[in-house]
Amino acid sequence: MTGLDASKHSIIQIFCFVTDYDLNLLDREGWGTIIYHSKPVLDAMDEWCTRTHASTGLTAAALASTVTPEEAAAGLLRYIQTHVPEASKAVLAGNTVHADRAFLSKPPYDKVLAHLHYRIFDVSTIKEAVRRWGSDKMLQQVPRKKGLHEARQDILESIEEAKYYRKVLFPN
């Protein structure tokens, strides 16, 4: 994203994996794309986004991309519908996923959001509950993130973190 405010920033990169209820990937490759952004838009990003996206190569990739937001939204929806054709069944999941939902609520991504269930699965909420009410040992064993801030890797790390919480909090 070019920033965290969905009312004035936009999605640069989208990546998606679909899992079953046990958090097993239905497709190991997933689906993703980088959306074209002009240099003035990218130059207007805040310091954190500018530094992080430059270091991962995302800024250069966004400048070189030919993918429009409309194409990205259509591709994402097709990918989700391939695995979950019925509307209101697929749940948006990840860390601090309410931010993703805010961006998906804007056109042209709102068509994707309309296909998803209204509930979300926020791994960050579980982490916060463990911080407040769990043991230090439980928190120390949470799978470590690489902190690369690359969409594909971030999602895979969120899935591993959710699997860990499921194993320790809901063992049956």
N, C-alpha and C. Protein backbone atom coordinates (compact mmCIF):
# COMPACT_ATOMS: atom_id res chain seq x y z
N MET A 1 0.83 -1.17 0.00
CA MET A 1 0.00 0.00 0.00
C MET A 1 0.89 1.24 0.00
N THR A 2 0.37 2.29 -0.58
CA THR A 2 1.14 3.54 -0.58
C THR A 2 1.08 4.24 0.76
N GLY A 3 0.29 3.71 1.68
CA GLY A 3 0.13 4.25 3.03
C GLY A 3 -0.98 3.48 3.72
N LEU A 4 -1.33 3.87 4.91
CA LEU A 4 -2.32 3.12 5.69
C LEU A 4 -3.73 3.70 5.66
N ASP A 5 -3.90 4.86 5.06
CA ASP A 5 -5.20 5.51 5.02
C ASP A 5 -5.93 5.14 3.72
N ALA A 6 -6.91 4.26 3.84
CA ALA A 6 -7.62 3.77 2.65
C ALA A 6 -8.35 4.88 1.90
N SER A 7 -8.62 6.00 2.56
CA SER A 7 -9.32 7.09 1.87
C SER A 7 -8.41 7.87 0.93
N LYS A 8 -7.09 7.77 1.12
CA LYS A 8 -6.20 8.52 0.23
C LYS A 8 -5.03 7.72 -0.34
N HIS A 9 -4.81 6.51 0.15
CA HIS A 9 -3.73 5.67 -0.35
C HIS A 9 -4.29 4.53 -1.19
N SER A 10 -3.41 3.77 -1.82
CA SER A 10 -3.88 2.70 -2.70
C SER A 10 -3.01 1.45 -2.58
N ILE A 11 -3.54 0.37 -3.11
CA ILE A 11 -2.87 -0.93 -3.08
C ILE A 11 -1.80 -0.97 -4.16
N ILE A 12 -0.59 -1.34 -3.77
CA ILE A 12 0.51 -1.50 -4.73
C ILE A 12 0.64 -2.96 -5.14
N GLN A 13 0.55 -3.84 -4.16
CA GLN A 13 0.74 -5.27 -4.40
C GLN A 13 -0.36 -6.06 -3.72
N ILE A 14 -0.84 -7.07 -4.43
CA ILE A 14 -1.84 -7.97 -3.86
C ILE A 14 -1.27 -9.38 -3.95
N PHE A 15 -1.48 -10.13 -2.89
CA PHE A 15 -1.17 -11.55 -2.92
C PHE A 15 -2.24 -12.27 -2.14
N CYS A 16 -2.55 -13.48 -2.57
CA CYS A 16 -3.62 -14.24 -1.93
C CYS A 16 -3.30 -15.73 -1.93
N PHE A 17 -3.54 -16.35 -0.81
CA PHE A 17 -3.56 -17.81 -0.70
C PHE A 17 -4.93 -18.18 -0.18
N VAL A 18 -5.40 -19.35 -0.56
CA VAL A 18 -6.64 -19.88 -0.02
C VAL A 18 -6.28 -21.14 0.76
N THR A 19 -6.83 -21.26 1.97
CA THR A 19 -6.59 -22.44 2.79
C THR A 19 -7.91 -23.14 3.09
N ASP A 20 -7.77 -24.37 3.58
CA ASP A 20 -8.94 -25.05 4.11
C ASP A 20 -9.11 -24.65 5.57
N TYR A 21 -10.08 -25.26 6.26
CA TYR A 21 -10.33 -24.90 7.65
C TYR A 21 -9.15 -25.23 8.57
N ASP A 22 -8.31 -26.16 8.15
CA ASP A 22 -7.14 -26.54 8.94
C ASP A 22 -5.90 -25.74 8.56
N LEU A 23 -6.08 -24.71 7.77
CA LEU A 23 -5.02 -23.79 7.35
C LEU A 23 -4.01 -24.42 6.40
N ASN A 24 -4.42 -25.47 5.70
CA ASN A 24 -3.59 -26.07 4.66
C ASN A 24 -3.83 -25.31 3.36
N LEU A 25 -2.74 -24.98 2.67
CA LEU A 25 -2.87 -24.26 1.41
C LEU A 25 -3.58 -25.12 0.37
N LEU A 26 -4.54 -24.56 -0.32
CA LEU A 26 -5.20 -25.27 -1.40
C LEU A 26 -4.40 -25.15 -2.69
N ASP A 27 -3.54 -24.16 -2.75
CA ASP A 27 -2.69 -23.91 -3.92
C ASP A 27 -1.38 -23.32 -3.40
N ARG A 28 -0.30 -24.05 -3.55
CA ARG A 28 0.99 -23.61 -3.00
C ARG A 28 1.55 -22.36 -3.68
N GLU A 29 1.12 -22.10 -4.90
CA GLU A 29 1.63 -20.94 -5.64
C GLU A 29 0.94 -19.65 -5.22
N GLY A 30 -0.35 -19.74 -4.91
CA GLY A 30 -1.10 -18.53 -4.61
C GLY A 30 -1.28 -17.68 -5.86
N TRP A 31 -1.76 -16.49 -5.65
CA TRP A 31 -1.97 -15.55 -6.75
C TRP A 31 -1.54 -14.17 -6.29
N GLY A 32 -0.84 -13.48 -7.17
CA GLY A 32 -0.44 -12.13 -6.81
C GLY A 32 -0.13 -11.28 -8.02
N THR A 33 -0.11 -9.99 -7.80
CA THR A 33 0.24 -9.05 -8.85
C THR A 33 0.71 -7.74 -8.21
N ILE A 34 1.40 -6.98 -9.01
CA ILE A 34 1.83 -5.64 -8.62
C ILE A 34 1.12 -4.65 -9.54
N ILE A 35 0.55 -3.63 -8.95
CA ILE A 35 -0.26 -2.67 -9.68
C ILE A 35 0.57 -1.44 -10.05
N TYR A 36 0.40 -0.99 -11.27
CA TYR A 36 1.13 0.20 -11.73
C TYR A 36 0.76 1.42 -10.89
N HIS A 37 1.79 2.18 -10.55
CA HIS A 37 1.62 3.48 -9.90
C HIS A 37 2.61 4.45 -10.55
N SER A 38 2.18 5.66 -10.76
CA SER A 38 3.04 6.67 -11.38
C SER A 38 4.11 7.13 -10.38
N LYS A 39 5.16 7.70 -10.90
CA LYS A 39 6.24 8.20 -10.05
C LYS A 39 5.74 9.25 -9.06
N PRO A 40 4.91 10.22 -9.48
CA PRO A 40 4.42 11.21 -8.49
C PRO A 40 3.65 10.56 -7.32
N VAL A 41 2.88 9.54 -7.61
CA VAL A 41 2.14 8.85 -6.53
C VAL A 41 3.12 8.17 -5.59
N LEU A 42 4.10 7.48 -6.14
CA LEU A 42 5.08 6.78 -5.31
C LEU A 42 5.97 7.76 -4.56
N ASP A 43 6.27 8.88 -5.18
CA ASP A 43 7.08 9.91 -4.50
C ASP A 43 6.34 10.55 -3.33
N ALA A 44 5.02 10.45 -3.32
CA ALA A 44 4.22 11.05 -2.25
C ALA A 44 4.05 10.13 -1.04
N MET A 45 4.61 8.92 -1.12
CA MET A 45 4.49 7.99 0.02
C MET A 45 5.25 8.54 1.22
N ASP A 46 4.85 8.11 2.41
CA ASP A 46 5.56 8.53 3.62
C ASP A 46 6.94 7.87 3.68
N GLU A 47 7.73 8.28 4.65
CA GLU A 47 9.12 7.82 4.74
C GLU A 47 9.22 6.30 4.89
N TRP A 48 8.37 5.72 5.74
CA TRP A 48 8.43 4.27 5.96
C TRP A 48 8.14 3.51 4.68
N CYS A 49 7.06 3.88 3.99
CA CYS A 49 6.71 3.21 2.73
C CYS A 49 7.79 3.41 1.68
N THR A 50 8.29 4.62 1.57
CA THR A 50 9.33 4.91 0.59
C THR A 50 10.55 4.04 0.83
N ARG A 51 11.03 4.00 2.05
CA ARG A 51 12.22 3.21 2.40
C ARG A 51 11.97 1.71 2.22
N THR A 52 10.87 1.23 2.77
CA THR A 52 10.59 -0.21 2.75
C THR A 52 10.33 -0.71 1.33
N HIS A 53 9.48 -0.02 0.59
CA HIS A 53 9.15 -0.48 -0.76
C HIS A 53 10.34 -0.35 -1.71
N ALA A 54 11.20 0.62 -1.48
CA ALA A 54 12.42 0.73 -2.29
C ALA A 54 13.35 -0.44 -2.00
N SER A 55 13.49 -0.79 -0.72
CA SER A 55 14.43 -1.86 -0.35
C SER A 55 13.97 -3.23 -0.83
N THR A 56 12.66 -3.44 -0.95
CA THR A 56 12.16 -4.74 -1.43
C THR A 56 12.06 -4.79 -2.95
N GLY A 57 12.23 -3.66 -3.61
CA GLY A 57 12.08 -3.60 -5.06
C GLY A 57 10.66 -3.34 -5.51
N LEU A 58 9.75 -3.17 -4.56
CA LEU A 58 8.34 -2.97 -4.91
C LEU A 58 8.10 -1.65 -5.63
N THR A 59 8.80 -0.60 -5.24
CA THR A 59 8.63 0.70 -5.90
C THR A 59 8.98 0.59 -7.38
N ALA A 60 10.13 0.01 -7.68
CA ALA A 60 10.55 -0.16 -9.07
C ALA A 60 9.59 -1.06 -9.83
N ALA A 61 9.12 -2.11 -9.18
CA ALA A 61 8.18 -3.03 -9.82
C ALA A 61 6.85 -2.34 -10.13
N ALA A 62 6.40 -1.47 -9.23
CA ALA A 62 5.14 -0.75 -9.45
C ALA A 62 5.27 0.23 -10.62
N LEU A 63 6.42 0.85 -10.74
CA LEU A 63 6.66 1.76 -11.87
C LEU A 63 6.69 1.00 -13.19
N ALA A 64 7.20 -0.22 -13.17
CA ALA A 64 7.34 -1.03 -14.38
C ALA A 64 6.08 -1.81 -14.73
N SER A 65 5.17 -1.96 -13.79
CA SER A 65 3.98 -2.77 -14.01
C SER A 65 3.04 -2.13 -15.03
N THR A 66 2.28 -2.98 -15.69
CA THR A 66 1.23 -2.50 -16.60
C THR A 66 -0.16 -2.89 -16.09
N VAL A 67 -0.22 -3.48 -14.90
CA VAL A 67 -1.48 -3.96 -14.34
C VAL A 67 -2.27 -2.80 -13.72
N THR A 68 -3.52 -2.68 -14.12
CA THR A 68 -4.40 -1.64 -13.56
C THR A 68 -5.09 -2.19 -12.30
N PRO A 69 -5.62 -1.30 -11.46
CA PRO A 69 -6.40 -1.78 -10.31
C PRO A 69 -7.58 -2.66 -10.74
N GLU A 70 -8.21 -2.32 -11.84
CA GLU A 70 -9.35 -3.11 -12.33
C GLU A 70 -8.91 -4.52 -12.70
N GLU A 71 -7.77 -4.64 -13.37
CA GLU A 71 -7.25 -5.96 -13.73
C GLU A 71 -6.85 -6.75 -12.49
N ALA A 72 -6.26 -6.07 -11.53
CA ALA A 72 -5.85 -6.73 -10.29
C ALA A 72 -7.07 -7.25 -9.54
N ALA A 73 -8.10 -6.43 -9.42
CA ALA A 73 -9.32 -6.83 -8.71
C ALA A 73 -9.99 -8.02 -9.40
N ALA A 74 -10.06 -7.97 -10.72
CA ALA A 74 -10.69 -9.06 -11.47
C ALA A 74 -9.89 -10.35 -11.32
N GLY A 75 -8.57 -10.26 -11.37
CA GLY A 75 -7.72 -11.44 -11.21
C GLY A 75 -7.84 -12.04 -9.82
N LEU A 76 -7.87 -11.19 -8.81
CA LEU A 76 -8.01 -11.66 -7.43
C LEU A 76 -9.35 -12.36 -7.24
N LEU A 77 -10.41 -11.76 -7.74
CA LEU A 77 -11.73 -12.36 -7.60
C LEU A 77 -11.80 -13.71 -8.32
N ARG A 78 -11.24 -13.79 -9.52
CA ARG A 78 -11.21 -15.07 -10.26
C ARG A 78 -10.48 -16.14 -9.45
N TYR A 79 -9.34 -15.76 -8.88
CA TYR A 79 -8.55 -16.72 -8.10
C TYR A 79 -9.35 -17.23 -6.90
N ILE A 80 -9.96 -16.33 -6.16
CA ILE A 80 -10.74 -16.74 -4.99
C ILE A 80 -11.91 -17.62 -5.42
N GLN A 81 -12.61 -17.23 -6.48
CA GLN A 81 -13.77 -18.00 -6.94
C GLN A 81 -13.39 -19.37 -7.48
N THR A 82 -12.16 -19.52 -7.95
CA THR A 82 -11.68 -20.83 -8.39
C THR A 82 -11.70 -21.82 -7.23
N HIS A 83 -11.34 -21.35 -6.06
CA HIS A 83 -11.27 -22.22 -4.88
C HIS A 83 -12.52 -22.16 -4.01
N VAL A 84 -13.18 -21.02 -4.01
CA VAL A 84 -14.39 -20.83 -3.19
C VAL A 84 -15.43 -20.13 -4.06
N PRO A 85 -16.12 -20.92 -4.90
CA PRO A 85 -17.05 -20.29 -5.85
C PRO A 85 -18.28 -19.65 -5.20
N GLU A 86 -18.70 -20.18 -4.07
CA GLU A 86 -19.91 -19.67 -3.43
C GLU A 86 -19.62 -18.38 -2.67
N ALA A 87 -20.44 -17.37 -2.90
CA ALA A 87 -20.28 -16.08 -2.21
C ALA A 87 -20.52 -16.24 -0.71
N SER A 88 -19.89 -15.39 0.06
CA SER A 88 -20.04 -15.31 1.52
C SER A 88 -19.51 -16.53 2.26
N LYS A 89 -18.60 -17.26 1.65
CA LYS A 89 -17.98 -18.42 2.31
C LYS A 89 -16.52 -18.15 2.65
N ALA A 90 -15.78 -17.54 1.75
CA ALA A 90 -14.35 -17.28 1.98
C ALA A 90 -14.20 -16.16 3.00
N VAL A 91 -13.29 -16.36 3.94
CA VAL A 91 -13.05 -15.39 5.01
C VAL A 91 -11.70 -14.71 4.77
N LEU A 92 -11.68 -13.41 4.79
CA LEU A 92 -10.44 -12.64 4.71
C LEU A 92 -9.67 -12.87 6.00
N ALA A 93 -8.40 -13.27 5.88
CA ALA A 93 -7.61 -13.60 7.06
C ALA A 93 -6.21 -13.04 6.92
N GLY A 94 -5.56 -12.82 8.07
CA GLY A 94 -4.19 -12.34 8.09
C GLY A 94 -3.93 -11.52 9.34
N ASN A 95 -2.80 -10.85 9.36
CA ASN A 95 -2.44 -9.97 10.47
C ASN A 95 -2.94 -8.56 10.19
N THR A 96 -3.60 -7.97 11.15
CA THR A 96 -4.17 -6.63 11.05
C THR A 96 -4.96 -6.50 9.75
N VAL A 97 -5.77 -7.52 9.51
CA VAL A 97 -6.47 -7.66 8.24
C VAL A 97 -7.60 -6.64 8.07
N HIS A 98 -7.98 -5.95 9.13
CA HIS A 98 -8.98 -4.90 8.98
C HIS A 98 -8.48 -3.81 8.03
N ALA A 99 -7.17 -3.60 8.00
CA ALA A 99 -6.61 -2.60 7.07
C ALA A 99 -6.79 -3.07 5.62
N ASP A 100 -6.55 -4.35 5.38
CA ASP A 100 -6.77 -4.89 4.03
C ASP A 100 -8.23 -4.75 3.63
N ARG A 101 -9.11 -5.04 4.57
CA ARG A 101 -10.55 -4.93 4.31
C ARG A 101 -10.93 -3.49 3.94
N ALA A 102 -10.34 -2.52 4.61
CA ALA A 102 -10.63 -1.12 4.31
C ALA A 102 -10.25 -0.79 2.87
N PHE A 103 -9.10 -1.28 2.41
CA PHE A 103 -8.68 -1.02 1.04
C PHE A 103 -9.55 -1.78 0.05
N LEU A 104 -9.98 -2.99 0.41
CA LEU A 104 -10.85 -3.77 -0.47
C LEU A 104 -12.26 -3.20 -0.56
N SER A 105 -12.62 -2.32 0.34
CA SER A 105 -13.96 -1.73 0.30
C SER A 105 -14.09 -0.66 -0.78
N LYS A 106 -12.96 -0.22 -1.34
CA LYS A 106 -12.97 0.82 -2.37
C LYS A 106 -13.02 0.18 -3.76
N PRO A 107 -13.75 0.79 -4.71
CA PRO A 107 -13.72 0.29 -6.08
C PRO A 107 -12.29 0.33 -6.63
N PRO A 108 -11.92 -0.59 -7.47
CA PRO A 108 -12.69 -1.70 -8.01
C PRO A 108 -12.66 -2.96 -7.15
N TYR A 109 -11.99 -2.89 -6.01
CA TYR A 109 -11.81 -4.07 -5.16
C TYR A 109 -13.06 -4.44 -4.39
N ASP A 110 -14.04 -3.56 -4.36
CA ASP A 110 -15.27 -3.84 -3.61
C ASP A 110 -16.00 -5.08 -4.12
N LYS A 111 -15.78 -5.43 -5.39
CA LYS A 111 -16.38 -6.65 -5.94
C LYS A 111 -15.79 -7.89 -5.27
N VAL A 112 -14.51 -7.82 -4.94
CA VAL A 112 -13.86 -8.92 -4.22
C VAL A 112 -14.45 -9.01 -2.82
N LEU A 113 -14.53 -7.89 -2.14
CA LEU A 113 -15.06 -7.86 -0.78
C LEU A 113 -16.51 -8.37 -0.75
N ALA A 114 -17.27 -8.07 -1.77
CA ALA A 114 -18.67 -8.53 -1.84
C ALA A 114 -18.76 -10.05 -1.91
N HIS A 115 -17.73 -10.70 -2.45
CA HIS A 115 -17.73 -12.16 -2.56
C HIS A 115 -17.35 -12.82 -1.23
N LEU A 116 -16.62 -12.10 -0.38
CA LEU A 116 -16.13 -12.66 0.87
C LEU A 116 -17.20 -12.64 1.96
N HIS A 117 -17.00 -13.47 2.96
CA HIS A 117 -17.86 -13.47 4.15
C HIS A 117 -17.66 -12.15 4.87
N TYR A 118 -18.66 -11.70 5.61
CA TYR A 118 -18.53 -10.43 6.33
C TYR A 118 -17.58 -10.54 7.52
N ARG A 119 -17.35 -11.74 8.03
CA ARG A 119 -16.42 -11.91 9.14
C ARG A 119 -14.99 -11.92 8.63
N ILE A 120 -14.06 -11.55 9.50
CA ILE A 120 -12.64 -11.64 9.18
C ILE A 120 -11.95 -12.46 10.25
N PHE A 121 -10.80 -13.01 9.90
CA PHE A 121 -9.98 -13.78 10.84
C PHE A 121 -8.68 -13.02 11.01
N ASP A 122 -8.56 -12.31 12.12
CA ASP A 122 -7.39 -11.46 12.36
C ASP A 122 -6.43 -12.15 13.32
N VAL A 123 -5.32 -12.61 12.79
CA VAL A 123 -4.30 -13.30 13.59
C VAL A 123 -3.73 -12.36 14.65
N SER A 124 -3.67 -11.08 14.35
CA SER A 124 -3.15 -10.10 15.32
C SER A 124 -4.01 -10.03 16.58
N THR A 125 -5.30 -10.27 16.44
CA THR A 125 -6.19 -10.27 17.60
C THR A 125 -5.85 -11.44 18.52
N ILE A 126 -5.58 -12.59 17.93
CA ILE A 126 -5.19 -13.75 18.73
C ILE A 126 -3.86 -13.47 19.43
N LYS A 127 -2.92 -12.88 18.69
CA LYS A 127 -1.62 -12.55 19.28
C LYS A 127 -1.80 -11.61 20.48
N GLU A 128 -2.66 -10.63 20.34
CA GLU A 128 -2.88 -9.69 21.43
C GLU A 128 -3.51 -10.39 22.64
N ALA A 129 -4.42 -11.32 22.39
CA ALA A 129 -5.02 -12.09 23.49
C ALA A 129 -3.95 -12.92 24.20
N VAL A 130 -3.05 -13.52 23.45
CA VAL A 130 -1.95 -14.31 24.05
C VAL A 130 -1.04 -13.40 24.86
N ARG A 131 -0.75 -12.22 24.35
CA ARG A 131 0.09 -11.26 25.09
C ARG A 131 -0.54 -10.90 26.44
N ARG A 132 -1.85 -10.72 26.43
CA ARG A 132 -2.55 -10.28 27.64
C ARG A 132 -2.84 -11.42 28.60
N TRP A 133 -3.22 -12.59 28.07
CA TRP A 133 -3.74 -13.64 28.94
C TRP A 133 -2.97 -14.95 28.84
N GLY A 134 -2.04 -15.06 27.89
CA GLY A 134 -1.28 -16.30 27.74
C GLY A 134 0.00 -16.26 28.55
N SER A 135 0.76 -17.32 28.42
CA SER A 135 2.03 -17.41 29.15
C SER A 135 3.16 -16.82 28.33
N ASP A 136 4.23 -16.44 29.03
CA ASP A 136 5.43 -15.96 28.33
C ASP A 136 5.98 -17.05 27.43
N LYS A 137 5.93 -18.29 27.91
CA LYS A 137 6.43 -19.42 27.12
C LYS A 137 5.67 -19.53 25.80
N MET A 138 4.36 -19.40 25.87
CA MET A 138 3.54 -19.48 24.67
C MET A 138 3.94 -18.39 23.68
N LEU A 139 4.15 -17.20 24.18
CA LEU A 139 4.52 -16.07 23.32
C LEU A 139 5.92 -16.25 22.73
N GLN A 140 6.83 -16.80 23.50
CA GLN A 140 8.20 -17.01 23.02
C GLN A 140 8.27 -18.05 21.91
N GLN A 141 7.28 -18.93 21.85
CA GLN A 141 7.29 -20.00 20.85
C GLN A 141 6.54 -19.64 19.56
N VAL A 142 5.99 -18.44 19.51
CA VAL A 142 5.32 -17.99 18.28
C VAL A 142 6.36 -17.99 17.16
N PRO A 143 6.03 -18.55 15.99
CA PRO A 143 6.99 -18.54 14.89
C PRO A 143 7.47 -17.11 14.59
N ARG A 144 8.76 -16.96 14.46
CA ARG A 144 9.36 -15.65 14.20
C ARG A 144 9.14 -15.23 12.76
N LYS A 145 8.86 -13.95 12.58
CA LYS A 145 8.68 -13.40 11.25
C LYS A 145 10.00 -12.82 10.76
N LYS A 146 10.19 -12.88 9.46
CA LYS A 146 11.41 -12.33 8.86
C LYS A 146 11.34 -10.82 8.72
N GLY A 147 10.14 -10.27 8.72
CA GLY A 147 9.98 -8.82 8.62
C GLY A 147 10.37 -8.25 7.27
N LEU A 148 10.19 -9.05 6.22
CA LEU A 148 10.58 -8.60 4.88
C LEU A 148 9.58 -7.62 4.27
N HIS A 149 8.36 -7.63 4.76
CA HIS A 149 7.29 -6.77 4.23
C HIS A 149 7.08 -7.02 2.74
N GLU A 150 7.06 -8.30 2.38
CA GLU A 150 6.72 -8.73 1.03
C GLU A 150 5.42 -9.52 1.14
N ALA A 151 4.45 -9.17 0.35
CA ALA A 151 3.08 -9.69 0.51
C ALA A 151 3.04 -11.21 0.61
N ARG A 152 3.68 -11.91 -0.31
CA ARG A 152 3.63 -13.38 -0.31
C ARG A 152 4.18 -13.94 1.00
N GLN A 153 5.35 -13.49 1.38
CA GLN A 153 5.99 -13.99 2.60
C GLN A 153 5.20 -13.60 3.85
N ASP A 154 4.68 -12.40 3.88
CA ASP A 154 3.87 -11.95 5.03
C ASP A 154 2.66 -12.87 5.23
N ILE A 155 2.01 -13.25 4.14
CA ILE A 155 0.84 -14.12 4.25
C ILE A 155 1.23 -15.50 4.74
N LEU A 156 2.29 -16.06 4.17
CA LEU A 156 2.74 -17.38 4.61
C LEU A 156 3.11 -17.37 6.09
N GLU A 157 3.74 -16.30 6.55
CA GLU A 157 4.09 -16.18 7.96
C GLU A 157 2.83 -16.05 8.83
N SER A 158 1.82 -15.35 8.35
CA SER A 158 0.56 -15.24 9.09
C SER A 158 -0.12 -16.60 9.21
N ILE A 159 -0.06 -17.38 8.14
CA ILE A 159 -0.65 -18.73 8.18
C ILE A 159 0.08 -19.59 9.20
N GLU A 160 1.41 -19.53 9.21
CA GLU A 160 2.18 -20.31 10.19
C GLU A 160 1.88 -19.87 11.61
N GLU A 161 1.74 -18.58 11.81
CA GLU A 161 1.40 -18.06 13.13
C GLU A 161 0.01 -18.54 13.56
N ALA A 162 -0.95 -18.51 12.65
CA ALA A 162 -2.30 -18.99 12.96
C ALA A 162 -2.29 -20.48 13.28
N LYS A 163 -1.48 -21.25 12.54
CA LYS A 163 -1.36 -22.69 12.83
C LYS A 163 -0.81 -22.91 14.23
N TYR A 164 0.16 -22.11 14.62
CA TYR A 164 0.73 -22.23 15.96
C TYR A 164 -0.34 -21.97 17.02
N TYR A 165 -1.07 -20.88 16.88
CA TYR A 165 -2.10 -20.56 17.86
C TYR A 165 -3.17 -21.65 17.91
N ARG A 166 -3.51 -22.18 16.76
CA ARG A 166 -4.51 -23.25 16.73
C ARG A 166 -3.99 -24.45 17.51
N LYS A 167 -2.73 -24.81 17.30
CA LYS A 167 -2.15 -25.97 17.97
C LYS A 167 -2.12 -25.80 19.49
N VAL A 168 -1.73 -24.63 19.97
CA VAL A 168 -1.58 -24.45 21.42
C VAL A 168 -2.88 -24.04 22.12
N LEU A 169 -3.76 -23.36 21.43
CA LEU A 169 -4.99 -22.89 22.06
C LEU A 169 -6.18 -23.83 21.84
N PHE A 170 -6.17 -24.53 20.72
CA PHE A 170 -7.29 -25.41 20.36
C PHE A 170 -6.74 -26.77 19.91
N PRO A 171 -6.14 -27.53 20.82
CA PRO A 171 -5.43 -28.76 20.43
C PRO A 171 -6.31 -29.87 19.87
N ASN A 172 -7.60 -29.84 20.10
CA ASN A 172 -8.45 -30.93 19.60
C ASN A 172 -9.03 -30.56 18.30
